[in-house]
PDB file of N, CA and C in Angstrom:
ATOM      1  N   UNK A   1       1.144  -0.918   0.016  1.00  0.00           N
ATOM      2  CA  UNK A   1      -0.472  -0.072   0.106  1.00  0.00           C
ATOM      3  C   UNK A   1       0.964   1.264   0.216  1.00  0.00           C
ATOM      4  N   UNK A   2       1.134   2.089  -1.455  1.00  0.00           N
ATOM      5  CA  UNK A   2       1.385   3.349  -1.031  1.00  0.00           C
ATOM      6  C   UNK A   2       1.494   4.325  -0.159  1.00  0.00           C
ATOM      7  N   UNK A   3       0.383   4.267   0.575  1.00  0.00           N
ATOM      8  CA  UNK A   3       0.232   5.354   1.599  1.00  0.00           C
ATOM      9  C   UNK A   3       0.878   4.911   2.695  1.00  0.00           C
ATOM     10  N   UNK A   4       0.750   3.640   3.267  1.00  0.00           N
ATOM     11  CA  UNK A   4       1.581   2.903   4.313  1.00  0.00           C
ATOM     12  C   UNK A   4       3.011   3.661   3.998  1.00  0.00           C
ATOM     13  N   UNK A   5       3.691   3.156   2.860  1.00  0.00           N
ATOM     14  CA  UNK A   5       5.335   3.082   2.752  1.00  0.00           C
ATOM     15  C   UNK A   5       5.643   4.977   2.513  1.00  0.00           C
ATOM     16  N   UNK A   6       4.752   5.940   2.116  1.00  0.00           N
ATOM     17  CA  UNK A   6       4.666   7.129   2.549  1.00  0.00           C
ATOM     18  C   UNK A   6       4.553   7.526   3.442  1.00  0.00           C
ATOM     19  N   UNK A   7       4.046   7.075   4.306  1.00  0.00           N
ATOM     20  CA  UNK A   7       3.716   7.546   5.831  1.00  0.00           C
ATOM     21  C   UNK A   7       4.895   7.103   6.991  1.00  0.00           C
ATOM     22  N   UNK A   8       5.162   5.896   6.869  1.00  0.00           N
ATOM     23  CA  UNK A   8       6.457   5.203   7.476  1.00  0.00           C
ATOM     24  C   UNK A   8       7.231   5.905   7.192  1.00  0.00           C
ATOM     25  N   UNK A   9       8.243   6.562   5.869  1.00  0.00           N
ATOM     26  CA  UNK A   9       9.092   7.228   5.655  1.00  0.00           C
ATOM     27  C   UNK A   9       9.079   8.631   6.177  1.00  0.00           C
ATOM     28  N   UNK A  10       7.868   8.843   6.171  1.00  0.00           N
ATOM     29  CA  UNK A  10       7.896  10.517   6.408  1.00  0.00           C
ATOM     30  C   UNK A  10       7.694  10.153   8.327  1.00  0.00           C
ATOM     31  N   UNK A  11       7.222   9.246   9.213  1.00  0.00           N
ATOM     32  CA  UNK A  11       7.814   8.665  10.656  1.00  0.00           C
ATOM     33  C   UNK A  11       8.444   7.746  10.748  1.00  0.00           C
ATOM     34  N   UNK A  12       9.348   7.609  11.508  1.00  0.00           N
ATOM     35  CA  UNK A  12       9.434   6.559  11.674  1.00  0.00           C
ATOM     36  C   UNK A  12       8.937   5.558  12.800  1.00  0.00           C
ATOM     37  N   UNK A  13       7.786   6.565  13.300  1.00  0.00           N
ATOM     38  CA  UNK A  13       7.636   5.996  14.887  1.00  0.00           C
ATOM     39  C   UNK A  13       6.149   5.466  14.541  1.00  0.00           C
ATOM     40  N   UNK A  14       5.849   4.915  13.081  1.00  0.00           N
ATOM     41  CA  UNK A  14       4.840   4.076  12.923  1.00  0.00           C
ATOM     42  C   UNK A  14       5.349   3.213  12.433  1.00  0.00           C
ATOM     43  N   UNK A  15       4.777   2.061  12.526  1.00  0.00           N
ATOM     44  CA  UNK A  15       4.607   0.952  12.460  1.00  0.00           C
ATOM     45  C   UNK A  15       4.071   0.249  10.734  1.00  0.00           C
ATOM     46  N   UNK A  16       4.806   0.199   9.888  1.00  0.00           N
ATOM     47  CA  UNK A  16       4.310  -0.320   8.322  1.00  0.00           C
ATOM     48  C   UNK A  16       3.423  -1.602   8.846  1.00  0.00           C
ATOM     49  N   UNK A  17       3.672  -2.280   9.660  1.00  0.00           N
ATOM     50  CA  UNK A  17       2.427  -3.515  10.120  1.00  0.00           C
ATOM     51  C   UNK A  17       1.377  -2.924  10.763  1.00  0.00           C
ATOM     52  N   UNK A  18       1.327  -2.269  11.215  1.00  0.00           N
ATOM     53  CA  UNK A  18       0.429  -1.493  12.469  1.00  0.00           C
ATOM     54  C   UNK A  18      -0.271  -0.935  11.516  1.00  0.00           C
ATOM     55  N   UNK A  19       0.171   0.045  10.770  1.00  0.00           N
ATOM     56  CA  UNK A  19      -0.533   1.123   9.419  1.00  0.00           C
ATOM     57  C   UNK A  19      -1.197   0.276   8.392  1.00  0.00           C
ATOM     58  N   UNK A  20      -0.755  -1.246   8.030  1.00  0.00           N
ATOM     59  CA  UNK A  20      -1.351  -1.886   7.002  1.00  0.00           C
ATOM     60  C   UNK A  20      -2.276  -1.917   7.475  1.00  0.00           C
ATOM     61  N   UNK A  21      -2.374  -3.347   9.013  1.00  0.00           N
ATOM     62  CA  UNK A  21      -3.521  -3.539   9.395  1.00  0.00           C
ATOM     63  C   UNK A  21      -4.973  -2.365   9.474  1.00  0.00           C
ATOM     64  N   UNK A  22      -4.444  -1.509  10.013  1.00  0.00           N
ATOM     65  CA  UNK A  22      -5.582  -0.602  10.603  1.00  0.00           C
ATOM     66  C   UNK A  22      -5.952   0.213   9.160  1.00  0.00           C
ATOM     67  N   UNK A  23      -5.448   0.311   8.102  1.00  0.00           N
ATOM     68  CA  UNK A  23      -5.381   0.829   6.354  1.00  0.00           C
ATOM     69  C   UNK A  23      -7.076  -0.126   6.053  1.00  0.00           C
ATOM     70  N   UNK A  24      -6.276  -1.471   6.534  1.00  0.00           N
ATOM     71  CA  UNK A  24      -7.227  -2.862   5.670  1.00  0.00           C
ATOM     72  C   UNK A  24      -8.387  -3.061   6.695  1.00  0.00           C
ATOM     73  N   UNK A  25      -8.188  -3.009   7.690  1.00  0.00           N
ATOM     74  CA  UNK A  25      -9.686  -2.868   8.783  1.00  0.00           C
ATOM     75  C   UNK A  25     -10.555  -1.879   8.214  1.00  0.00           C
ATOM     76  N   UNK A  26     -10.057  -0.413   8.176  1.00  0.00           N
ATOM     77  CA  UNK A  26     -10.765   0.334   7.569  1.00  0.00           C
ATOM     78  C   UNK A  26     -11.006   0.449   6.591  1.00  0.00           C
ATOM     79  N   UNK A  27     -10.748  -0.120   5.577  1.00  0.00           N
ATOM     80  CA  UNK A  27     -11.509  -1.085   4.500  1.00  0.00           C
ATOM     81  C   UNK A  27     -12.610  -1.908   4.417  1.00  0.00           C
ATOM     82  N   UNK A  28     -12.169  -2.655   4.877  1.00  0.00           N
ATOM     83  CA  UNK A  28     -13.325  -3.845   5.411  1.00  0.00           C
ATOM     84  C   UNK A  28     -14.612  -3.238   6.200  1.00  0.00           C
ATOM     85  N   UNK A  29     -14.173  -2.595   7.379  1.00  0.00           N
ATOM     86  CA  UNK A  29     -15.476  -1.957   7.770  1.00  0.00           C
ATOM     87  C   UNK A  29     -16.694  -1.502   6.568  1.00  0.00           C
ATOM     88  N   UNK A  30     -15.456  -0.486   6.044  1.00  0.00           N
ATOM     89  CA  UNK A  30     -16.660   0.426   5.584  1.00  0.00           C
ATOM     90  C   UNK A  30     -17.018   0.028   4.288  1.00  0.00           C
ATOM     91  N   UNK A  31     -16.244  -1.211   3.953  1.00  0.00           N
ATOM     92  CA  UNK A  31     -16.970  -2.010   2.370  1.00  0.00           C
ATOM     93  C   UNK A  31     -18.396  -3.141   3.112  1.00  0.00           C
ATOM     94  N   UNK A  32     -17.938  -3.345   4.337  1.00  0.00           N
ATOM     95  CA  UNK A  32     -18.500  -4.461   5.379  1.00  0.00           C
ATOM     96  C   UNK A  32     -20.305  -3.086   4.728  1.00  0.00           C
ATOM     97  N   UNK A  33     -19.950  -2.005   5.570  1.00  0.00           N
ATOM     98  CA  UNK A  33     -20.782  -1.329   5.672  1.00  0.00           C
ATOM     99  C   UNK A  33     -21.819  -1.324   4.406  1.00  0.00           C
ATOM    100  N   UNK A  34     -21.088  -0.391   3.071  1.00  0.00           N
ATOM    101  CA  UNK A  34     -21.686  -0.459   1.847  1.00  0.00           C
ATOM    102  C   UNK A  34     -22.611  -1.573   1.649  1.00  0.00           C
ATOM    103  N   UNK A  35     -22.058  -2.503   2.023  1.00  0.00           N
ATOM    104  CA  UNK A  35     -22.733  -4.172   1.251  1.00  0.00           C
ATOM    105  C   UNK A  35     -24.370  -4.420   2.266  1.00  0.00           C
ATOM    106  N   UNK A  36     -24.189  -3.783   3.294  1.00  0.00           N
ATOM    107  CA  UNK A  36     -25.485  -4.462   4.301  1.00  0.00           C
ATOM    108  C   UNK A  36     -26.206  -3.063   4.050  1.00  0.00           C
ATOM    109  N   UNK A  37     -25.899  -1.918   3.453  1.00  0.00           N
ATOM    110  CA  UNK A  37     -26.818  -0.992   3.266  1.00  0.00           C
ATOM    111  C   UNK A  37     -27.527  -1.310   1.820  1.00  0.00           C
ATOM    112  N   UNK A  38     -26.420  -1.888   1.228  1.00  0.00           N
ATOM    113  CA  UNK A  38     -26.990  -2.185  -0.157  1.00  0.00           C
ATOM    114  C   UNK A  38     -28.132  -3.562   0.156  1.00  0.00           C
ATOM    115  N   UNK A  39     -27.758  -4.222   1.443  1.00  0.00           N
ATOM    116  CA  UNK A  39     -29.007  -5.276   1.589  1.00  0.00           C
ATOM    117  C   UNK A  39     -29.537  -4.986   2.127  1.00  0.00           C
ATOM    118  N   UNK A  40     -30.078  -3.750   2.478  1.00  0.00           N
ATOM    119  CA  UNK A  40     -31.301  -3.638   3.377  1.00  0.00           C
ATOM    120  C   UNK A  40     -31.094  -4.184   4.908  1.00  0.00           C
ATOM    121  N   UNK A  41     -29.866  -4.491   5.221  1.00  0.00           N
ATOM    122  CA  UNK A  41     -29.898  -5.071   6.398  1.00  0.00           C
ATOM    123  C   UNK A  41     -29.564  -4.269   7.729  1.00  0.00           C
ATOM    124  N   UNK A  42     -31.177  -3.534   8.091  1.00  0.00           N
ATOM    125  CA  UNK A  42     -30.915  -2.488   8.671  1.00  0.00           C
ATOM    126  C   UNK A  42     -30.190  -2.657  10.361  1.00  0.00           C
ATOM    127  N   UNK A  43     -30.520  -4.077  11.498  1.00  0.00           N
ATOM    128  CA  UNK A  43     -29.598  -4.329  12.272  1.00  0.00           C
ATOM    129  C   UNK A  43     -28.357  -3.676  11.799  1.00  0.00           C
ATOM    130  N   UNK A  44     -27.293  -4.157  11.230  1.00  0.00           N
ATOM    131  CA  UNK A  44     -26.310  -4.215  10.433  1.00  0.00           C
ATOM    132  C   UNK A  44     -25.924  -2.819  10.609  1.00  0.00           C
ATOM    133  N   UNK A  45     -26.741  -1.771   9.558  1.00  0.00           N
ATOM    134  CA  UNK A  45     -27.013  -0.986   9.091  1.00  0.00           C
ATOM    135  C   UNK A  45     -26.048  -0.096  10.258  1.00  0.00           C
ATOM    136  N   UNK A  46     -27.055  -0.141  11.239  1.00  0.00           N
ATOM    137  CA  UNK A  46     -27.123   0.476  12.412  1.00  0.00           C
ATOM    138  C   UNK A  46     -25.595   0.674  13.877  1.00  0.00           C
ATOM    139  N   UNK A  47     -25.430  -0.684  13.368  1.00  0.00           N
ATOM    140  CA  UNK A  47     -24.266  -1.072  14.018  1.00  0.00           C
ATOM    141  C   UNK A  47     -22.809  -0.776  13.649  1.00  0.00           C
ATOM    142  N   UNK A  48     -22.730  -0.911  12.295  1.00  0.00           N
ATOM    143  CA  UNK A  48     -21.911  -0.589  11.689  1.00  0.00           C
ATOM    144  C   UNK A  48     -21.107   0.511  11.660  1.00  0.00           C
ATOM    145  N   UNK A  49     -21.961   1.531  11.527  1.00  0.00           N
ATOM    146  CA  UNK A  49     -21.008   3.072  11.769  1.00  0.00           C
ATOM    147  C   UNK A  49     -20.144   3.170  13.412  1.00  0.00           C
ATOM    148  N   UNK A  50     -20.861   2.503  14.166  1.00  0.00           N
ATOM    149  CA  UNK A  50     -20.529   2.337  15.624  1.00  0.00           C
ATOM    150  C   UNK A  50     -18.987   1.585  15.683  1.00  0.00           C
ATOM    151  N   UNK A  51     -18.874   0.666  15.120  1.00  0.00           N
ATOM    152  CA  UNK A  51     -17.714   0.029  14.846  1.00  0.00           C
ATOM    153  C   UNK A  51     -16.949   0.935  13.744  1.00  0.00           C
ATOM    154  N   UNK A  52     -17.288   1.446  13.070  1.00  0.00           N
ATOM    155  CA  UNK A  52     -16.093   2.097  12.329  1.00  0.00           C
ATOM    156  C   UNK A  52     -16.069   3.906  13.014  1.00  0.00           C
ATOM    157  N   UNK A  53     -16.561   4.015  13.622  1.00  0.00           N
ATOM    158  CA  UNK A  53     -16.141   5.225  14.467  1.00  0.00           C
ATOM    159  C   UNK A  53     -14.962   4.966  15.007  1.00  0.00           C
ATOM    160  N   UNK A  54     -15.403   3.613  15.975  1.00  0.00           N
ATOM    161  CA  UNK A  54     -14.381   3.405  16.892  1.00  0.00           C
ATOM    162  C   UNK A  54     -13.121   2.931  16.550  1.00  0.00           C
ATOM    163  N   UNK A  55     -12.785   2.664  15.270  1.00  0.00           N
ATOM    164  CA  UNK A  55     -12.114   2.134  14.707  1.00  0.00           C
ATOM    165  C   UNK A  55     -11.133   3.414  14.664  1.00  0.00           C
ATOM    166  N   UNK A  56     -11.367   4.280  13.827  1.00  0.00           N
ATOM    167  CA  UNK A  56     -10.936   5.424  12.961  1.00  0.00           C
ATOM    168  C   UNK A  56     -10.869   6.002  14.410  1.00  0.00           C
ATOM    169  N   UNK A  57     -11.392   6.481  15.446  1.00  0.00           N
ATOM    170  CA  UNK A  57     -10.857   7.318  17.147  1.00  0.00           C
ATOM    171  C   UNK A  57      -9.387   6.502  17.231  1.00  0.00           C
ATOM    172  N   UNK A  58      -9.256   5.168  17.103  1.00  0.00           N
ATOM    173  CA  UNK A  58      -8.507   4.311  17.494  1.00  0.00           C
ATOM    174  C   UNK A  58      -6.784   4.441  16.216  1.00  0.00           C
ATOM    175  N   UNK A  59      -7.368   4.682  15.200  1.00  0.00           N
ATOM    176  CA  UNK A  59      -6.338   5.295  14.159  1.00  0.00           C
ATOM    177  C   UNK A  59      -6.099   6.977  13.866  1.00  0.00           C
ATOM    178  N   UNK A  60      -6.768   7.740  14.894  1.00  0.00           N
ATOM    179  CA  UNK A  60      -6.507   8.876  15.059  1.00  0.00           C
ATOM    180  C   UNK A  60      -5.214   9.016  15.943  1.00  0.00           C
ATOM    181  N   UNK A  61      -5.308   8.109  17.403  1.00  0.00           N
ATOM    182  CA  UNK A  61      -5.130   8.184  18.554  1.00  0.00           C
ATOM    183  C   UNK A  61      -3.477   7.607  17.794  1.00  0.00           C
ATOM    184  N   UNK A  62      -3.354   6.288  17.176  1.00  0.00           N
ATOM    185  CA  UNK A  62      -2.274   5.846  17.081  1.00  0.00           C
ATOM    186  C   UNK A  62      -1.444   6.765  16.023  1.00  0.00           C
ATOM    187  N   UNK A  63      -1.784   7.379  15.070  1.00  0.00           N
ATOM    188  CA  UNK A  63      -1.101   8.375  14.136  1.00  0.00           C
ATOM    189  C   UNK A  63      -0.566   9.696  15.145  1.00  0.00           C
ATOM    190  N   UNK A  64      -1.672  10.162  15.925  1.00  0.00           N
ATOM    191  CA  UNK A  64      -1.276  11.452  16.748  1.00  0.00           C
ATOM    192  C   UNK A  64       0.454  10.979  17.808  1.00  0.00           C
ATOM    193  N   UNK A  65      -0.296   9.811  18.410  1.00  0.00           N
ATOM    194  CA  UNK A  65       1.126   9.438  19.053  1.00  0.00           C
ATOM    195  C   UNK A  65       2.327   9.388  18.711  1.00  0.00           C
ATOM    196  N   UNK A  66       2.543   9.059  17.600  1.00  0.00           N
ATOM    197  CA  UNK A  66       3.182   8.908  16.285  1.00  0.00           C
ATOM    198  C   UNK A  66       4.085  10.200  16.104  1.00  0.00           C
ATOM    199  N   UNK A  67       3.093  11.561  15.602  1.00  0.00           N
ATOM    200  CA  UNK A  67       3.361  12.553  15.334  1.00  0.00           C
ATOM    201  C   UNK A  67       4.137  13.482  16.990  1.00  0.00           C
ATOM    202  N   UNK A  68       3.599  13.136  17.831  1.00  0.00           N
ATOM    203  CA  UNK A  68       4.173  13.839  19.485  1.00  0.00           C
ATOM    204  C   UNK A  68       5.343  13.162  19.211  1.00  0.00           C
ATOM    205  N   UNK A  69       6.155  11.856  18.820  1.00  0.00           N
ATOM    206  CA  UNK A  69       6.831  11.256  19.319  1.00  0.00           C
ATOM    207  C   UNK A  69       7.880  12.161  18.248  1.00  0.00           C
ATOM    208  N   UNK A  70       7.334  12.288  17.232  1.00  0.00           N
ATOM    209  CA  UNK A  70       8.814  13.219  16.310  1.00  0.00           C
ATOM    210  C   UNK A  70       8.536  14.200  16.461  1.00  0.00           C
ATOM    211  N   UNK A  71       8.135  14.947  17.125  1.00  0.00           N
ATOM    212  CA  UNK A  71       8.083  16.501  16.895  1.00  0.00           C
ATOM    213  C   UNK A  71       8.044  16.867  18.847  1.00  0.00           C
ATOM    214  N   UNK A  72       8.389  15.901  19.895  1.00  0.00           N
ATOM    215  CA  UNK A  72       8.482  16.312  21.129  1.00  0.00           C
ATOM    216  C   UNK A  72       8.180  17.223  21.919  1.00  0.00           C
ATOM    217  N   UNK A  73       9.381  18.278  21.492  1.00  0.00           N
ATOM    218  CA  UNK A  73       9.213  19.470  21.911  1.00  0.00           C
ATOM    219  C   UNK A  73       8.388  20.737  21.447  1.00  0.00           C
ATOM    220  N   UNK A  74       7.688  20.264  20.293  1.00  0.00           N
ATOM    221  CA  UNK A  74       6.397  21.425  19.697  1.00  0.00           C
ATOM    222  C   UNK A  74       5.015  21.020  20.369  1.00  0.00           C
ATOM    223  N   UNK A  75       5.207  19.495  20.795  1.00  0.00           N
ATOM    224  CA  UNK A  75       3.623  19.156  21.045  1.00  0.00           C
ATOM    225  C   UNK A  75       3.542  18.836  22.304  1.00  0.00           C
ATOM    226  N   UNK A  76       3.933  19.251  23.650  1.00  0.00           N
ATOM    227  CA  UNK A  76       4.012  18.542  24.925  1.00  0.00           C
ATOM    228  C   UNK A  76       4.117  19.888  25.532  1.00  0.00           C
TER     229      UNK A  76
END
């Protein structure tokens, strides 16, 4: 995944393995949400955004942690 290669080259505090898993999980959750909507699976439609939101918050935390580690004097 080119995005992961770019991000890990920009910040050595981000793990290629962790970012790859993180982005693929995001794609899976988003794809599942779209498919549930197309099928009209209403219980899943209401459950999936919550799962995706939780995952996105976790992604943000991981990315923020890497930025703070890279620029400790500017962000603490």
